[in-house]
PDB file of all heavy atoms in Angstrom:
ATOM      1  N   THR A   1       0.849  -1.194   0.000  1.00  0.00           N
ATOM      2  CA  THR A   1       0.000   0.000   0.000  1.00  0.00           C
ATOM      3  C   THR A   1       0.882   1.241   0.000  1.00  0.00           C
ATOM      4  O   THR A   1       1.818   1.342   0.802  1.00  0.00           O
ATOM      5  CB  THR A   1      -0.913   0.022   1.237  1.00  0.00           C
ATOM      6  OG1 THR A   1      -1.650  -1.216   1.290  1.00  0.00           O
ATOM      7  CG2 THR A   1      -1.886   1.186   1.177  1.00  0.00           C
ATOM      8  N   VAL A   2       0.591   2.174  -0.894  1.00  0.00           N
ATOM      9  CA  VAL A   2       1.396   3.384  -1.032  1.00  0.00           C
ATOM     10  C   VAL A   2       0.465   4.589  -1.036  1.00  0.00           C
ATOM     11  O   VAL A   2      -0.505   4.637  -1.800  1.00  0.00           O
ATOM     12  CB  VAL A   2       2.225   3.369  -2.337  1.00  0.00           C
ATOM     13  CG1 VAL A   2       3.037   4.655  -2.462  1.00  0.00           C
ATOM     14  CG2 VAL A   2       3.140   2.148  -2.377  1.00  0.00           C
ATOM     15  N   VAL A   3       0.752   5.573  -0.177  1.00  0.00           N
ATOM     16  CA  VAL A   3       0.010   6.832  -0.183  1.00  0.00           C
ATOM     17  C   VAL A   3       0.605   7.736  -1.261  1.00  0.00           C
ATOM     18  O   VAL A   3       1.831   7.908  -1.341  1.00  0.00           O
ATOM     19  CB  VAL A   3       0.086   7.528   1.191  1.00  0.00           C
ATOM     20  CG1 VAL A   3      -0.532   8.928   1.122  1.00  0.00           C
ATOM     21  CG2 VAL A   3      -0.627   6.685   2.246  1.00  0.00           C
ATOM     22  N   VAL A   4      -0.266   8.303  -2.089  1.00  0.00           N
ATOM     23  CA  VAL A   4       0.159   9.264  -3.113  1.00  0.00           C
ATOM     24  C   VAL A   4      -0.331  10.637  -2.661  1.00  0.00           C
ATOM     25  O   VAL A   4      -1.489  10.997  -2.883  1.00  0.00           O
ATOM     26  CB  VAL A   4      -0.423   8.899  -4.494  1.00  0.00           C
ATOM     27  CG1 VAL A   4       0.102   9.871  -5.550  1.00  0.00           C
ATOM     28  CG2 VAL A   4      -0.081   7.463  -4.860  1.00  0.00           C
ATOM     29  N   PRO A   5       0.550  11.430  -2.009  1.00  0.00           N
ATOM     30  CA  PRO A   5       0.121  12.707  -1.413  1.00  0.00           C
ATOM     31  C   PRO A   5       0.204  13.853  -2.420  1.00  0.00           C
ATOM     32  O   PRO A   5       1.231  14.516  -2.559  1.00  0.00           O
ATOM     33  CB  PRO A   5       1.132  12.892  -0.273  1.00  0.00           C
ATOM     34  CG  PRO A   5       2.383  12.239  -0.772  1.00  0.00           C
ATOM     35  CD  PRO A   5       1.966  11.128  -1.707  1.00  0.00           C
ATOM     36  N   LEU A   6      -0.877  14.101  -3.120  1.00  0.00           N
ATOM     37  CA  LEU A   6      -0.869  15.127  -4.164  1.00  0.00           C
ATOM     38  C   LEU A   6      -0.713  16.530  -3.601  1.00  0.00           C
ATOM     39  O   LEU A   6      -0.281  17.438  -4.323  1.00  0.00           O
ATOM     40  CB  LEU A   6      -2.153  15.028  -4.996  1.00  0.00           C
ATOM     41  CG  LEU A   6      -2.336  13.726  -5.795  1.00  0.00           C
ATOM     42  CD1 LEU A   6      -3.613  13.801  -6.632  1.00  0.00           C
ATOM     43  CD2 LEU A   6      -1.132  13.436  -6.683  1.00  0.00           C
ATOM     44  N   ALA A   7      -1.046  16.722  -2.315  1.00  0.00           N
ATOM     45  CA  ALA A   7      -0.859  18.047  -1.718  1.00  0.00           C
ATOM     46  C   ALA A   7       0.620  18.426  -1.721  1.00  0.00           C
ATOM     47  O   ALA A   7       0.975  19.587  -1.958  1.00  0.00           O
ATOM     48  CB  ALA A   7      -1.393  18.063  -0.284  1.00  0.00           C
ATOM     49  N   GLU A   8       1.490  17.442  -1.461  1.00  0.00           N
ATOM     50  CA  GLU A   8       2.929  17.713  -1.455  1.00  0.00           C
ATOM     51  C   GLU A   8       3.571  17.483  -2.821  1.00  0.00           C
ATOM     52  O   GLU A   8       4.551  18.121  -3.170  1.00  0.00           O
ATOM     53  CB  GLU A   8       3.631  16.814  -0.432  1.00  0.00           C
ATOM     54  CG  GLU A   8       3.237  17.087   1.002  1.00  0.00           C
ATOM     55  CD  GLU A   8       2.490  15.921   1.624  1.00  0.00           C
ATOM     56  OE1 GLU A   8       3.141  14.957   2.047  1.00  0.00           O
ATOM     57  OE2 GLU A   8       1.244  15.989   1.687  1.00  0.00           O
ATOM     58  N   HIS A   9       3.006  16.540  -3.603  1.00  0.00           N
ATOM     59  CA  HIS A   9       3.610  16.168  -4.887  1.00  0.00           C
ATOM     60  C   HIS A   9       2.549  16.090  -5.982  1.00  0.00           C
ATOM     61  O   HIS A   9       2.194  14.998  -6.447  1.00  0.00           O
ATOM     62  CB  HIS A   9       4.325  14.820  -4.756  1.00  0.00           C
ATOM     63  CG  HIS A   9       5.389  14.786  -3.719  1.00  0.00           C
ATOM     64  ND1 HIS A   9       6.635  15.345  -3.906  1.00  0.00           N
ATOM     65  CD2 HIS A   9       5.389  14.280  -2.451  1.00  0.00           C
ATOM     66  CE1 HIS A   9       7.369  15.171  -2.821  1.00  0.00           C
ATOM     67  NE2 HIS A   9       6.637  14.540  -1.922  1.00  0.00           N
ATOM     68  N   PRO A  10       2.011  17.219  -6.421  1.00  0.00           N
ATOM     69  CA  PRO A  10       0.963  17.185  -7.450  1.00  0.00           C
ATOM     70  C   PRO A  10       1.435  16.540  -8.755  1.00  0.00           C
ATOM     71  O   PRO A  10       0.624  15.997  -9.514  1.00  0.00           O
ATOM     72  CB  PRO A  10       0.610  18.662  -7.652  1.00  0.00           C
ATOM     73  CG  PRO A  10       1.766  19.423  -7.087  1.00  0.00           C
ATOM     74  CD  PRO A  10       2.328  18.595  -5.988  1.00  0.00           C
ATOM     75  N   ASP A  11       2.749  16.566  -9.010  1.00  0.00           N
ATOM     76  CA  ASP A  11       3.277  15.999 -10.246  1.00  0.00           C
ATOM     77  C   ASP A  11       3.247  14.481 -10.248  1.00  0.00           C
ATOM     78  O   ASP A  11       3.480  13.846 -11.285  1.00  0.00           O
ATOM     79  CB  ASP A  11       4.720  16.482 -10.467  1.00  0.00           C
ATOM     80  CG  ASP A  11       5.607  16.198  -9.267  1.00  0.00           C
ATOM     81  OD1 ASP A  11       5.177  16.512  -8.143  1.00  0.00           O
ATOM     82  OD2 ASP A  11       6.724  15.672  -9.443  1.00  0.00           O
ATOM     83  N   TRP A  12       2.964  13.866  -9.087  1.00  0.00           N
ATOM     84  CA  TRP A  12       2.904  12.407  -9.022  1.00  0.00           C
ATOM     85  C   TRP A  12       1.614  11.843  -9.640  1.00  0.00           C
ATOM     86  O   TRP A  12       1.481  10.625  -9.774  1.00  0.00           O
ATOM     87  CB  TRP A  12       3.003  11.932  -7.571  1.00  0.00           C
ATOM     88  CG  TRP A  12       4.387  12.051  -7.001  1.00  0.00           C
ATOM     89  CD1 TRP A  12       5.469  12.639  -7.592  1.00  0.00           C
ATOM     90  CD2 TRP A  12       4.828  11.562  -5.730  1.00  0.00           C
ATOM     91  NE1 TRP A  12       6.565  12.565  -6.768  1.00  0.00           N
ATOM     92  CE2 TRP A  12       6.205  11.908  -5.619  1.00  0.00           C
ATOM     93  CE3 TRP A  12       4.223  10.892  -4.681  1.00  0.00           C
ATOM     94  CZ2 TRP A  12       6.957  11.591  -4.501  1.00  0.00           C
ATOM     95  CZ3 TRP A  12       4.968  10.570  -3.565  1.00  0.00           C
ATOM     96  CH2 TRP A  12       6.318  10.910  -3.475  1.00  0.00           C
ATOM     97  N   PHE A  13       0.674  12.729  -9.972  1.00  0.00           N
ATOM     98  CA  PHE A  13      -0.619  12.259 -10.483  1.00  0.00           C
ATOM     99  C   PHE A  13      -0.439  11.331 -11.680  1.00  0.00           C
ATOM    100  O   PHE A  13      -1.066  10.263 -11.756  1.00  0.00           O
ATOM    101  CB  PHE A  13      -1.500  13.449 -10.858  1.00  0.00           C
ATOM    102  CG  PHE A  13      -2.845  13.062 -11.409  1.00  0.00           C
ATOM    103  CD1 PHE A  13      -3.880  12.686 -10.564  1.00  0.00           C
ATOM    104  CD2 PHE A  13      -3.080  13.055 -12.785  1.00  0.00           C
ATOM    105  CE1 PHE A  13      -5.119  12.315 -11.072  1.00  0.00           C
ATOM    106  CE2 PHE A  13      -4.314  12.689 -13.294  1.00  0.00           C
ATOM    107  CZ  PHE A  13      -5.336  12.316 -12.433  1.00  0.00           C
ATOM    108  N   TRP A  14       0.404  11.722 -12.625  1.00  0.00           N
ATOM    109  CA  TRP A  14       0.554  10.897 -13.833  1.00  0.00           C
ATOM    110  C   TRP A  14       1.359   9.638 -13.558  1.00  0.00           C
ATOM    111  O   TRP A  14       1.240   8.648 -14.291  1.00  0.00           O
ATOM    112  CB  TRP A  14       1.186  11.723 -14.959  1.00  0.00           C
ATOM    113  CG  TRP A  14       0.243  12.794 -15.406  1.00  0.00           C
ATOM    114  CD1 TRP A  14       0.353  14.130 -15.199  1.00  0.00           C
ATOM    115  CD2 TRP A  14      -1.002  12.589 -16.081  1.00  0.00           C
ATOM    116  NE1 TRP A  14      -0.737  14.790 -15.716  1.00  0.00           N
ATOM    117  CE2 TRP A  14      -1.584  13.869 -16.264  1.00  0.00           C
ATOM    118  CE3 TRP A  14      -1.681  11.469 -16.564  1.00  0.00           C
ATOM    119  CZ2 TRP A  14      -2.805  14.047 -16.895  1.00  0.00           C
ATOM    120  CZ3 TRP A  14      -2.905  11.640 -17.193  1.00  0.00           C
ATOM    121  CH2 TRP A  14      -3.453  12.913 -17.354  1.00  0.00           C
ATOM    122  N   ASN A  15       2.160   9.651 -12.479  1.00  0.00           N
ATOM    123  CA  ASN A  15       2.884   8.424 -12.116  1.00  0.00           C
ATOM    124  C   ASN A  15       1.922   7.296 -11.725  1.00  0.00           C
ATOM    125  O   ASN A  15       2.233   6.116 -11.875  1.00  0.00           O
ATOM    126  CB  ASN A  15       3.851   8.698 -10.956  1.00  0.00           C
ATOM    127  CG  ASN A  15       5.004   9.589 -11.377  1.00  0.00           C
ATOM    128  OD1 ASN A  15       5.281   9.728 -12.566  1.00  0.00           O
ATOM    129  ND2 ASN A  15       5.670  10.200 -10.409  1.00  0.00           N
ATOM    130  N   ILE A  16       0.759   7.701 -11.186  1.00  0.00           N
ATOM    131  CA  ILE A  16      -0.254   6.702 -10.812  1.00  0.00           C
ATOM    132  C   ILE A  16      -0.610   5.856 -12.015  1.00  0.00           C
ATOM    133  O   ILE A  16      -0.604   4.615 -11.978  1.00  0.00           O
ATOM    134  CB  ILE A  16      -1.523   7.397 -10.262  1.00  0.00           C
ATOM    135  CG1 ILE A  16      -1.204   8.226  -9.022  1.00  0.00           C
ATOM    136  CG2 ILE A  16      -2.618   6.377  -9.984  1.00  0.00           C
ATOM    137  CD1 ILE A  16      -2.344   9.160  -8.624  1.00  0.00           C
ATOM    138  N   TRP A  17      -0.911   6.526 -13.106  1.00  0.00           N
ATOM    139  CA  TRP A  17      -1.418   5.818 -14.284  1.00  0.00           C
ATOM    140  C   TRP A  17      -0.295   5.117 -15.044  1.00  0.00           C
ATOM    141  O   TRP A  17      -0.536   4.103 -15.708  1.00  0.00           O
ATOM    142  CB  TRP A  17      -2.187   6.788 -15.168  1.00  0.00           C
ATOM    143  CG  TRP A  17      -3.161   7.575 -14.324  1.00  0.00           C
ATOM    144  CD1 TRP A  17      -3.151   8.906 -14.067  1.00  0.00           C
ATOM    145  CD2 TRP A  17      -4.240   7.027 -13.549  1.00  0.00           C
ATOM    146  NE1 TRP A  17      -4.152   9.243 -13.194  1.00  0.00           N
ATOM    147  CE2 TRP A  17      -4.844   8.113 -12.859  1.00  0.00           C
ATOM    148  CE3 TRP A  17      -4.751   5.742 -13.372  1.00  0.00           C
ATOM    149  CZ2 TRP A  17      -5.931   7.946 -12.014  1.00  0.00           C
ATOM    150  CZ3 TRP A  17      -5.836   5.581 -12.525  1.00  0.00           C
ATOM    151  CH2 TRP A  17      -6.416   6.667 -11.863  1.00  0.00           C
ATOM    152  N   ARG A  18       0.943   5.617 -14.911  1.00  0.00           N
ATOM    153  CA  ARG A  18       2.073   4.884 -15.475  1.00  0.00           C
ATOM    154  C   ARG A  18       2.249   3.558 -14.735  1.00  0.00           C
ATOM    155  O   ARG A  18       2.542   2.528 -15.347  1.00  0.00           O
ATOM    156  CB  ARG A  18       3.346   5.727 -15.374  1.00  0.00           C
ATOM    157  CG  ARG A  18       3.342   6.967 -16.262  1.00  0.00           C
ATOM    158  CD  ARG A  18       4.684   7.668 -16.268  1.00  0.00           C
ATOM    159  NE  ARG A  18       4.645   8.896 -17.061  1.00  0.00           N
ATOM    160  CZ  ARG A  18       4.445  10.109 -16.538  1.00  0.00           C
ATOM    161  NH1 ARG A  18       4.300  10.239 -15.219  1.00  0.00           N
ATOM    162  NH2 ARG A  18       4.394  11.167 -17.314  1.00  0.00           N
ATOM    163  N   ARG A  19       2.056   3.608 -13.394  1.00  0.00           N
ATOM    164  CA  ARG A  19       2.206   2.378 -12.602  1.00  0.00           C
ATOM    165  C   ARG A  19       1.102   1.379 -12.942  1.00  0.00           C
ATOM    166  O   ARG A  19       1.349   0.163 -13.013  1.00  0.00           O
ATOM    167  CB  ARG A  19       2.171   2.730 -11.109  1.00  0.00           C
ATOM    168  CG  ARG A  19       2.457   1.566 -10.196  1.00  0.00           C
ATOM    169  CD  ARG A  19       3.890   1.089 -10.361  1.00  0.00           C
ATOM    170  NE  ARG A  19       4.171  -0.068  -9.529  1.00  0.00           N
ATOM    171  CZ  ARG A  19       3.904  -1.334  -9.868  1.00  0.00           C
ATOM    172  NH1 ARG A  19       3.338  -1.600 -11.048  1.00  0.00           N
ATOM    173  NH2 ARG A  19       4.192  -2.325  -9.062  1.00  0.00           N
ATOM    174  N   ILE A  20      -0.120   1.871 -13.155  1.00  0.00           N
ATOM    175  CA  ILE A  20      -1.227   0.990 -13.551  1.00  0.00           C
ATOM    176  C   ILE A  20      -0.957   0.393 -14.928  1.00  0.00           C
ATOM    177  O   ILE A  20      -1.202  -0.800 -15.170  1.00  0.00           O
ATOM    178  CB  ILE A  20      -2.563   1.767 -13.542  1.00  0.00           C
ATOM    179  CG1 ILE A  20      -2.915   2.204 -12.117  1.00  0.00           C
ATOM    180  CG2 ILE A  20      -3.682   0.928 -14.135  1.00  0.00           C
ATOM    181  CD1 ILE A  20      -3.018   1.060 -11.120  1.00  0.00           C
ATOM    182  N   ARG A  21      -0.414   1.210 -15.839  1.00  0.00           N
ATOM    183  CA  ARG A  21      -0.078   0.695 -17.185  1.00  0.00           C
ATOM    184  C   ARG A  21       0.923  -0.446 -17.087  1.00  0.00           C
ATOM    185  O   ARG A  21       0.814  -1.442 -17.816  1.00  0.00           O
ATOM    186  CB  ARG A  21       0.487   1.833 -18.031  1.00  0.00           C
ATOM    187  CG  ARG A  21       0.864   1.422 -19.456  1.00  0.00           C
ATOM    188  CD  ARG A  21       1.607   2.535 -20.156  1.00  0.00           C
ATOM    189  NE  ARG A  21       2.840   2.872 -19.430  1.00  0.00           N
ATOM    190  CZ  ARG A  21       3.609   3.917 -19.716  1.00  0.00           C
ATOM    191  NH1 ARG A  21       3.272   4.739 -20.695  1.00  0.00           N
ATOM    192  NH2 ARG A  21       4.707   4.160 -19.012  1.00  0.00           N
ATOM    193  N   ASP A  22       1.896  -0.317 -16.162  1.00  0.00           N
ATOM    194  CA  ASP A  22       2.891  -1.380 -15.993  1.00  0.00           C
ATOM    195  C   ASP A  22       2.229  -2.686 -15.560  1.00  0.00           C
ATOM    196  O   ASP A  22       2.616  -3.774 -16.012  1.00  0.00           O
ATOM    197  CB  ASP A  22       3.936  -0.968 -14.950  1.00  0.00           C
ATOM    198  CG  ASP A  22       4.796   0.193 -15.432  1.00  0.00           C
ATOM    199  OD1 ASP A  22       4.801   0.462 -16.648  1.00  0.00           O
ATOM    200  OD2 ASP A  22       5.452   0.831 -14.581  1.00  0.00           O
ATOM    201  N   GLU A  23       1.240  -2.606 -14.661  1.00  0.00           N
ATOM    202  CA  GLU A  23       0.529  -3.811 -14.220  1.00  0.00           C
ATOM    203  C   GLU A  23      -0.261  -4.426 -15.373  1.00  0.00           C
ATOM    204  O   GLU A  23      -0.268  -5.648 -15.564  1.00  0.00           O
ATOM    205  CB  GLU A  23      -0.422  -3.471 -13.064  1.00  0.00           C
ATOM    206  CG  GLU A  23       0.261  -3.145 -11.751  1.00  0.00           C
ATOM    207  CD  GLU A  23       0.946  -4.356 -11.152  1.00  0.00           C
ATOM    208  OE1 GLU A  23       0.307  -5.429 -11.047  1.00  0.00           O
ATOM    209  OE2 GLU A  23       2.138  -4.242 -10.794  1.00  0.00           O
ATOM    210  N   LEU A  24      -0.933  -3.575 -16.142  1.00  0.00           N
ATOM    211  CA  LEU A  24      -1.725  -4.078 -17.267  1.00  0.00           C
ATOM    212  C   LEU A  24      -0.833  -4.739 -18.315  1.00  0.00           C
ATOM    213  O   LEU A  24      -1.221  -5.723 -18.946  1.00  0.00           O
ATOM    214  CB  LEU A  24      -2.520  -2.935 -17.900  1.00  0.00           C
ATOM    215  CG  LEU A  24      -3.509  -2.180 -16.991  1.00  0.00           C
ATOM    216  CD1 LEU A  24      -4.225  -1.091 -17.777  1.00  0.00           C
ATOM    217  CD2 LEU A  24      -4.517  -3.133 -16.366  1.00  0.00           C
ATOM    218  N   ALA A  25       0.371  -4.205 -18.490  1.00  0.00           N
ATOM    219  CA  ALA A  25       1.297  -4.758 -19.479  1.00  0.00           C
ATOM    220  C   ALA A  25       1.717  -6.182 -19.121  1.00  0.00           C
ATOM    221  O   ALA A  25       2.123  -6.959 -20.003  1.00  0.00           O
ATOM    222  CB  ALA A  25       2.529  -3.867 -19.598  1.00  0.00           C
ATOM    223  N   LEU A  26       1.602  -6.542 -17.833  1.00  0.00           N
ATOM    224  CA  LEU A  26       1.928  -7.894 -17.385  1.00  0.00           C
ATOM    225  C   LEU A  26       0.731  -8.841 -17.509  1.00  0.00           C
ATOM    226  O   LEU A  26       0.777  -9.985 -17.042  1.00  0.00           O
ATOM    227  CB  LEU A  26       2.399  -7.856 -15.927  1.00  0.00           C
ATOM    228  CG  LEU A  26       3.725  -7.108 -15.675  1.00  0.00           C
ATOM    229  CD1 LEU A  26       3.969  -6.958 -14.177  1.00  0.00           C
ATOM    230  CD2 LEU A  26       4.885  -7.855 -16.339  1.00  0.00           C
ATOM    231  N   GLY A  27      -0.365  -8.332 -18.098  1.00  0.00           N
ATOM    232  CA  GLY A  27      -1.550  -9.163 -18.281  1.00  0.00           C
ATOM    233  C   GLY A  27      -2.482  -9.153 -17.092  1.00  0.00           C
ATOM    234  O   GLY A  27      -3.373 -10.011 -16.989  1.00  0.00           O
ATOM    235  N   ARG A  28      -2.284  -8.203 -16.181  1.00  0.00           N
ATOM    236  CA  ARG A  28      -3.112  -8.132 -14.981  1.00  0.00           C
ATOM    237  C   ARG A  28      -4.215  -7.092 -15.153  1.00  0.00           C
ATOM    238  O   ARG A  28      -4.305  -6.420 -16.174  1.00  0.00           O
ATOM    239  CB  ARG A  28      -2.227  -7.814 -13.763  1.00  0.00           C
ATOM    240  CG  ARG A  28      -1.149  -8.874 -13.552  1.00  0.00           C
ATOM    241  CD  ARG A  28      -0.108  -8.444 -12.532  1.00  0.00           C
ATOM    242  NE  ARG A  28       0.977  -9.419 -12.431  1.00  0.00           N
ATOM    243  CZ  ARG A  28       2.095  -9.216 -11.747  1.00  0.00           C
ATOM    244  NH1 ARG A  28       2.274  -8.061 -11.101  1.00  0.00           N
ATOM    245  NH2 ARG A  28       3.036 -10.150 -11.705  1.00  0.00           N
ATOM    246  N   GLN A  29      -5.053  -6.958 -14.128  1.00  0.00           N
ATOM    247  CA  GLN A  29      -6.187  -6.033 -14.176  1.00  0.00           C
ATOM    248  C   GLN A  29      -6.154  -5.093 -12.981  1.00  0.00           C
ATOM    249  O   GLN A  29      -5.436  -5.332 -11.996  1.00  0.00           O
ATOM    250  CB  GLN A  29      -7.504  -6.822 -14.186  1.00  0.00           C
ATOM    251  CG  GLN A  29      -7.717  -7.669 -15.427  1.00  0.00           C
ATOM    252  CD  GLN A  29      -8.775  -8.723 -15.200  1.00  0.00           C
ATOM    253  OE1 GLN A  29      -8.476  -9.812 -14.695  1.00  0.00           O
ATOM    254  NE2 GLN A  29     -10.026  -8.413 -15.551  1.00  0.00           N
ATOM    255  N   ALA A  30      -6.961  -4.026 -13.052  1.00  0.00           N
ATOM    256  CA  ALA A  30      -6.904  -3.006 -11.997  1.00  0.00           C
ATOM    257  C   ALA A  30      -8.280  -2.432 -11.705  1.00  0.00           C
ATOM    258  O   ALA A  30      -9.157  -2.405 -12.567  1.00  0.00           O
ATOM    259  CB  ALA A  30      -5.955  -1.877 -12.403  1.00  0.00           C
ATOM    260  N   PHE A  31      -8.437  -1.987 -10.450  1.00  0.00           N
ATOM    261  CA  PHE A  31      -9.613  -1.225 -10.021  1.00  0.00           C
ATOM    262  C   PHE A  31      -9.215   0.242  -9.851  1.00  0.00           C
ATOM    263  O   PHE A  31      -8.116   0.541  -9.378  1.00  0.00           O
ATOM    264  CB  PHE A  31     -10.116  -1.698  -8.655  1.00  0.00           C
ATOM    265  CG  PHE A  31     -10.663  -3.095  -8.614  1.00  0.00           C
ATOM    266  CD1 PHE A  31      -9.888  -4.144  -8.143  1.00  0.00           C
ATOM    267  CD2 PHE A  31     -11.972  -3.354  -9.003  1.00  0.00           C
ATOM    268  CE1 PHE A  31     -10.394  -5.436  -8.067  1.00  0.00           C
ATOM    269  CE2 PHE A  31     -12.489  -4.638  -8.928  1.00  0.00           C
ATOM    270  CZ  PHE A  31     -11.700  -5.683  -8.464  1.00  0.00           C
TER     271      PHE A  31
END
């Protein structure tokens, strides 16, 4: 479990979806 604190790091928003893309690329699924 990882907290993504956008108040301190607003630029991390797109990292969220890059990380989800990495999971999908392995043939997995996401909520």
